[in-house]
N, C-alpha and C. Protein backbone atom coordinates (compact mmCIF):
# COMPACT_ATOMS: atom_id res chain seq x y z
N MET A 1 -6.17 -69.62 -282.32
CA MET A 1 -6.72 -68.69 -281.35
C MET A 1 -5.57 -67.97 -280.61
N MET A 2 -4.54 -68.70 -280.24
CA MET A 2 -3.41 -68.09 -279.55
C MET A 2 -2.65 -67.15 -280.51
N THR A 3 -2.61 -67.51 -281.78
CA THR A 3 -1.91 -66.68 -282.78
C THR A 3 -2.63 -65.35 -282.95
N SER A 4 -3.94 -65.34 -282.92
CA SER A 4 -4.69 -64.08 -283.09
C SER A 4 -4.47 -63.17 -281.88
N ARG A 5 -4.36 -63.73 -280.70
CA ARG A 5 -4.09 -62.93 -279.50
C ARG A 5 -2.70 -62.30 -279.58
N ILE A 6 -1.74 -63.06 -280.00
CA ILE A 6 -0.37 -62.54 -280.15
C ILE A 6 -0.36 -61.45 -281.19
N THR A 7 -1.06 -61.61 -282.26
CA THR A 7 -1.14 -60.60 -283.30
C THR A 7 -1.76 -59.31 -282.79
N ILE A 8 -2.82 -59.44 -282.04
CA ILE A 8 -3.50 -58.25 -281.48
C ILE A 8 -2.59 -57.54 -280.48
N ILE A 9 -1.93 -58.31 -279.63
CA ILE A 9 -1.01 -57.69 -278.67
C ILE A 9 0.14 -57.00 -279.38
N THR A 10 0.67 -57.62 -280.40
CA THR A 10 1.77 -57.03 -281.16
C THR A 10 1.35 -55.74 -281.82
N VAL A 11 0.19 -55.70 -282.43
CA VAL A 11 -0.33 -54.48 -283.06
C VAL A 11 -0.54 -53.38 -282.03
N CYS A 12 -1.07 -53.73 -280.89
CA CYS A 12 -1.30 -52.75 -279.83
C CYS A 12 0.04 -52.17 -279.33
N LEU A 13 1.02 -53.02 -279.16
CA LEU A 13 2.34 -52.57 -278.73
C LEU A 13 2.99 -51.64 -279.77
N LEU A 14 2.85 -51.98 -281.03
CA LEU A 14 3.39 -51.14 -282.10
C LEU A 14 2.71 -49.77 -282.12
N CYS A 15 1.41 -49.76 -281.92
CA CYS A 15 0.68 -48.47 -281.86
C CYS A 15 1.16 -47.63 -280.66
N LEU A 16 1.36 -48.29 -279.55
CA LEU A 16 1.83 -47.61 -278.35
C LEU A 16 3.20 -47.00 -278.56
N VAL A 17 4.11 -47.77 -279.18
CA VAL A 17 5.47 -47.27 -279.46
C VAL A 17 5.41 -46.12 -280.43
N GLY A 18 4.59 -46.20 -281.45
CA GLY A 18 4.45 -45.14 -282.43
C GLY A 18 3.89 -43.85 -281.80
N ALA A 19 2.94 -43.96 -280.89
CA ALA A 19 2.39 -42.80 -280.24
C ALA A 19 3.43 -42.17 -279.30
N THR A 20 4.22 -42.99 -278.65
CA THR A 20 5.29 -42.44 -277.79
C THR A 20 6.31 -41.69 -278.59
N ALA A 21 6.67 -42.18 -279.77
CA ALA A 21 7.67 -41.52 -280.60
C ALA A 21 7.14 -40.18 -281.09
N LEU A 22 5.85 -40.09 -281.40
CA LEU A 22 5.28 -38.82 -281.86
C LEU A 22 5.22 -37.77 -280.77
N THR A 23 4.94 -38.18 -279.55
CA THR A 23 4.84 -37.21 -278.47
C THR A 23 6.17 -36.86 -277.86
N SER A 24 7.26 -37.52 -278.24
CA SER A 24 8.55 -37.23 -277.65
C SER A 24 9.29 -36.13 -278.39
N ASN A 25 8.70 -35.52 -279.39
CA ASN A 25 9.34 -34.45 -280.14
C ASN A 25 9.14 -33.09 -279.44
N ALA A 26 9.41 -33.06 -278.16
CA ALA A 26 9.25 -31.82 -277.40
C ALA A 26 10.33 -30.83 -277.78
N ALA A 27 10.05 -29.58 -277.50
CA ALA A 27 11.00 -28.52 -277.80
C ALA A 27 12.24 -28.62 -276.91
N THR A 28 13.33 -28.16 -277.44
CA THR A 28 14.56 -28.07 -276.66
C THR A 28 14.70 -26.66 -276.14
N SER A 29 15.12 -26.49 -274.93
CA SER A 29 15.28 -25.16 -274.33
C SER A 29 16.75 -24.87 -274.07
N PHE A 30 17.10 -23.60 -274.34
CA PHE A 30 18.43 -23.08 -273.99
C PHE A 30 18.19 -21.97 -272.98
N ASN A 31 18.25 -22.35 -271.70
CA ASN A 31 18.05 -21.40 -270.63
C ASN A 31 19.34 -20.68 -270.30
N GLY A 32 19.25 -19.42 -269.92
CA GLY A 32 20.42 -18.64 -269.57
C GLY A 32 21.30 -18.27 -270.76
N SER A 33 20.70 -18.10 -271.92
CA SER A 33 21.43 -17.72 -273.13
C SER A 33 21.51 -16.21 -273.25
N THR A 34 22.44 -15.73 -274.08
CA THR A 34 22.62 -14.31 -274.30
C THR A 34 22.45 -14.04 -275.81
N ILE A 35 21.66 -13.02 -276.11
CA ILE A 35 21.46 -12.66 -277.51
C ILE A 35 22.74 -12.02 -278.03
N VAL A 36 23.26 -12.54 -279.15
CA VAL A 36 24.48 -12.01 -279.77
C VAL A 36 24.12 -11.11 -280.96
N ASN A 37 23.13 -11.53 -281.75
CA ASN A 37 22.72 -10.76 -282.94
C ASN A 37 21.29 -11.13 -283.32
N ILE A 38 20.60 -10.16 -283.89
CA ILE A 38 19.26 -10.37 -284.44
C ILE A 38 19.30 -9.90 -285.88
N ASP A 39 19.04 -10.79 -286.80
CA ASP A 39 19.04 -10.45 -288.24
C ASP A 39 17.61 -10.44 -288.72
N GLN A 40 17.01 -9.24 -288.79
CA GLN A 40 15.60 -9.11 -289.18
C GLN A 40 15.40 -9.54 -290.64
N ALA A 41 16.35 -9.24 -291.50
CA ALA A 41 16.20 -9.56 -292.93
C ALA A 41 16.15 -11.09 -293.15
N HIS A 42 17.00 -11.82 -292.47
CA HIS A 42 17.03 -13.28 -292.63
C HIS A 42 16.20 -14.01 -291.59
N ARG A 43 15.60 -13.24 -290.68
CA ARG A 43 14.75 -13.77 -289.59
C ARG A 43 15.51 -14.83 -288.79
N THR A 44 16.70 -14.47 -288.37
CA THR A 44 17.51 -15.38 -287.54
C THR A 44 17.95 -14.67 -286.30
N ILE A 45 18.23 -15.46 -285.28
CA ILE A 45 18.77 -14.94 -284.02
C ILE A 45 20.02 -15.76 -283.71
N THR A 46 21.09 -15.03 -283.37
CA THR A 46 22.31 -15.68 -282.93
C THR A 46 22.36 -15.50 -281.41
N PHE A 47 22.60 -16.61 -280.72
CA PHE A 47 22.67 -16.54 -279.25
C PHE A 47 23.81 -17.42 -278.77
N GLN A 48 24.29 -17.07 -277.56
CA GLN A 48 25.35 -17.86 -276.94
C GLN A 48 24.75 -18.59 -275.77
N THR A 49 24.97 -19.88 -275.72
CA THR A 49 24.45 -20.70 -274.61
C THR A 49 25.27 -20.49 -273.37
N ARG A 50 24.77 -20.99 -272.26
CA ARG A 50 25.47 -20.94 -271.00
C ARG A 50 26.86 -21.60 -271.09
N GLU A 51 26.94 -22.61 -271.94
CA GLU A 51 28.19 -23.33 -272.11
C GLU A 51 29.17 -22.64 -273.07
N GLY A 52 28.74 -21.53 -273.65
CA GLY A 52 29.62 -20.77 -274.54
C GLY A 52 29.51 -21.05 -276.02
N GLU A 53 28.58 -21.93 -276.39
CA GLU A 53 28.36 -22.25 -277.81
C GLU A 53 27.52 -21.16 -278.47
N ASN A 54 27.86 -20.80 -279.72
CA ASN A 54 27.07 -19.84 -280.47
C ASN A 54 26.20 -20.59 -281.45
N TRP A 55 24.93 -20.22 -281.50
CA TRP A 55 23.96 -20.81 -282.42
C TRP A 55 23.30 -19.68 -283.21
N THR A 56 23.09 -19.87 -284.49
CA THR A 56 22.28 -18.98 -285.32
C THR A 56 21.15 -19.81 -285.90
N LEU A 57 19.94 -19.50 -285.48
CA LEU A 57 18.77 -20.29 -285.89
C LEU A 57 17.68 -19.38 -286.40
N PRO A 58 16.89 -19.86 -287.36
CA PRO A 58 15.74 -19.08 -287.82
C PRO A 58 14.59 -19.15 -286.84
N VAL A 59 13.74 -18.13 -286.89
CA VAL A 59 12.52 -18.17 -286.07
C VAL A 59 11.45 -18.87 -286.87
N ALA A 60 10.61 -19.64 -286.16
CA ALA A 60 9.54 -20.38 -286.80
C ALA A 60 8.48 -19.45 -287.34
N ASP A 61 8.21 -18.35 -286.64
CA ASP A 61 7.19 -17.36 -287.01
C ASP A 61 7.79 -15.97 -286.90
N PRO A 62 7.79 -15.20 -288.00
CA PRO A 62 8.39 -13.87 -287.94
C PRO A 62 7.76 -12.95 -286.90
N GLU A 63 6.57 -13.25 -286.44
CA GLU A 63 5.91 -12.43 -285.42
C GLU A 63 6.65 -12.50 -284.09
N ILE A 64 7.41 -13.56 -283.87
CA ILE A 64 8.18 -13.69 -282.65
C ILE A 64 9.09 -12.51 -282.46
N LEU A 65 9.72 -12.04 -283.57
CA LEU A 65 10.63 -10.90 -283.50
C LEU A 65 9.92 -9.62 -283.15
N LYS A 66 8.61 -9.52 -283.48
CA LYS A 66 7.85 -8.34 -283.18
C LYS A 66 7.26 -8.40 -281.76
N GLU A 67 6.87 -9.58 -281.33
CA GLU A 67 6.20 -9.74 -280.05
C GLU A 67 7.16 -9.62 -278.87
N VAL A 68 8.33 -10.20 -278.99
CA VAL A 68 9.30 -10.20 -277.90
C VAL A 68 10.35 -9.17 -278.22
N ARG A 69 10.47 -8.16 -277.40
CA ARG A 69 11.45 -7.11 -277.60
C ARG A 69 12.76 -7.53 -276.97
N VAL A 70 13.64 -8.10 -277.77
CA VAL A 70 14.96 -8.46 -277.28
C VAL A 70 16.01 -7.72 -278.08
N SER A 71 17.14 -7.50 -277.47
CA SER A 71 18.23 -6.85 -278.16
C SER A 71 19.54 -7.50 -277.76
N LYS A 72 20.58 -7.12 -278.44
CA LYS A 72 21.89 -7.69 -278.21
C LYS A 72 22.27 -7.55 -276.73
N GLY A 73 22.74 -8.65 -276.15
CA GLY A 73 23.15 -8.66 -274.74
C GLY A 73 22.09 -9.10 -273.77
N ASP A 74 20.83 -9.22 -274.21
CA ASP A 74 19.75 -9.64 -273.31
C ASP A 74 19.93 -11.10 -272.92
N GLN A 75 19.59 -11.38 -271.65
CA GLN A 75 19.56 -12.75 -271.13
C GLN A 75 18.19 -13.35 -271.44
N VAL A 76 18.16 -14.52 -272.08
CA VAL A 76 16.91 -15.11 -272.51
C VAL A 76 16.91 -16.63 -272.34
N SER A 77 15.73 -17.19 -272.44
CA SER A 77 15.57 -18.63 -272.63
C SER A 77 14.96 -18.81 -274.00
N ILE A 78 15.51 -19.71 -274.78
CA ILE A 78 15.05 -19.93 -276.14
C ILE A 78 14.60 -21.35 -276.31
N GLU A 79 13.42 -21.53 -276.90
CA GLU A 79 12.91 -22.86 -277.17
C GLU A 79 12.93 -23.10 -278.68
N ILE A 80 13.37 -24.29 -279.08
CA ILE A 80 13.40 -24.64 -280.50
C ILE A 80 12.59 -25.91 -280.72
N ASP A 81 12.10 -26.03 -281.96
CA ASP A 81 11.33 -27.22 -282.31
C ASP A 81 12.27 -28.28 -282.90
N PRO A 82 11.76 -29.45 -283.24
CA PRO A 82 12.61 -30.51 -283.78
C PRO A 82 13.30 -30.14 -285.11
N ASN A 83 12.80 -29.10 -285.77
CA ASN A 83 13.43 -28.65 -287.03
C ASN A 83 14.44 -27.54 -286.81
N ASP A 84 14.85 -27.32 -285.56
CA ASP A 84 15.82 -26.30 -285.18
C ASP A 84 15.37 -24.88 -285.53
N LYS A 85 14.10 -24.63 -285.36
CA LYS A 85 13.56 -23.29 -285.53
C LYS A 85 13.13 -22.75 -284.17
N ILE A 86 13.41 -21.50 -283.91
CA ILE A 86 13.04 -20.88 -282.65
C ILE A 86 11.53 -20.69 -282.58
N THR A 87 10.93 -21.26 -281.54
CA THR A 87 9.47 -21.17 -281.37
C THR A 87 9.07 -20.21 -280.27
N ARG A 88 10.01 -19.93 -279.36
CA ARG A 88 9.66 -19.08 -278.21
C ARG A 88 10.91 -18.43 -277.62
N ILE A 89 10.78 -17.18 -277.23
CA ILE A 89 11.85 -16.47 -276.55
C ILE A 89 11.31 -15.86 -275.29
N LEU A 90 11.92 -16.12 -274.18
CA LEU A 90 11.52 -15.55 -272.90
C LEU A 90 12.65 -14.72 -272.34
N LYS A 91 12.41 -13.45 -272.09
CA LYS A 91 13.43 -12.62 -271.46
C LYS A 91 13.57 -13.00 -269.99
N ALA A 92 14.81 -12.96 -269.51
CA ALA A 92 15.05 -13.23 -268.10
C ALA A 92 14.45 -12.09 -267.30
N SER A 93 13.80 -12.44 -266.19
CA SER A 93 13.19 -11.40 -265.37
C SER A 93 14.21 -10.82 -264.39
N GLY A 94 13.95 -9.62 -263.97
CA GLY A 94 14.83 -8.96 -263.02
C GLY A 94 15.91 -8.17 -263.72
N PRO A 95 16.39 -7.15 -263.04
CA PRO A 95 17.42 -6.31 -263.64
C PRO A 95 18.75 -7.03 -263.68
N SER A 96 19.56 -6.72 -264.69
CA SER A 96 20.89 -7.31 -264.75
C SER A 96 21.78 -6.54 -263.80
N PRO A 97 22.81 -7.20 -263.29
CA PRO A 97 23.68 -6.53 -262.30
C PRO A 97 24.38 -5.31 -262.91
N SER A 98 24.45 -4.29 -262.13
CA SER A 98 25.08 -3.04 -262.59
C SER A 98 26.58 -3.15 -262.50
N PRO A 99 27.31 -2.68 -263.54
CA PRO A 99 28.76 -2.73 -263.47
C PRO A 99 29.32 -1.72 -262.46
N GLN A 100 28.49 -0.79 -262.01
CA GLN A 100 28.93 0.22 -261.08
C GLN A 100 28.88 -0.27 -259.64
N SER A 101 28.23 -1.40 -259.39
CA SER A 101 28.11 -1.87 -258.01
C SER A 101 29.45 -2.42 -257.55
N GLN A 102 29.96 -1.88 -256.48
CA GLN A 102 31.23 -2.29 -255.90
C GLN A 102 31.03 -2.56 -254.43
N SER A 103 31.83 -3.45 -253.89
CA SER A 103 31.75 -3.68 -252.46
C SER A 103 32.49 -2.57 -251.74
N HIS A 104 32.23 -2.48 -250.46
CA HIS A 104 32.88 -1.46 -249.63
C HIS A 104 34.39 -1.65 -249.64
N ASP A 105 34.87 -2.87 -249.65
CA ASP A 105 36.32 -3.17 -249.64
C ASP A 105 36.97 -2.67 -250.94
N ASP A 106 36.26 -2.80 -252.08
CA ASP A 106 36.83 -2.34 -253.36
C ASP A 106 37.00 -0.81 -253.35
N VAL A 107 36.09 -0.09 -252.76
CA VAL A 107 36.13 1.36 -252.76
C VAL A 107 37.26 1.85 -251.87
N MET A 108 37.54 1.12 -250.79
CA MET A 108 38.55 1.55 -249.83
C MET A 108 39.97 1.29 -250.31
N LYS A 109 40.17 0.49 -251.32
CA LYS A 109 41.53 0.14 -251.79
C LYS A 109 42.14 1.25 -252.61
């Protein structure tokens, strides 16, 4: 009787561990990245992370390239799946800083 309880508890724990492993395959996000290149023919996007690493990854769905209008130099957040395919691209909101903006002190020098 005690052996059957241990067996049932063990099976339940194994199922719980297996379910946790399946749900932990969440997407990885690269926030604050910059688009370096978009290759429509190969359906890949090259981007530079905040840390300065360059990645070239395929898109999971070619429609992503049509839905999200991004171009070289755009600031984005990129999500990838466990197979290293891009599943989502979000453009950073707000205008990028203008190179013409100078402080009053810079103009006076």
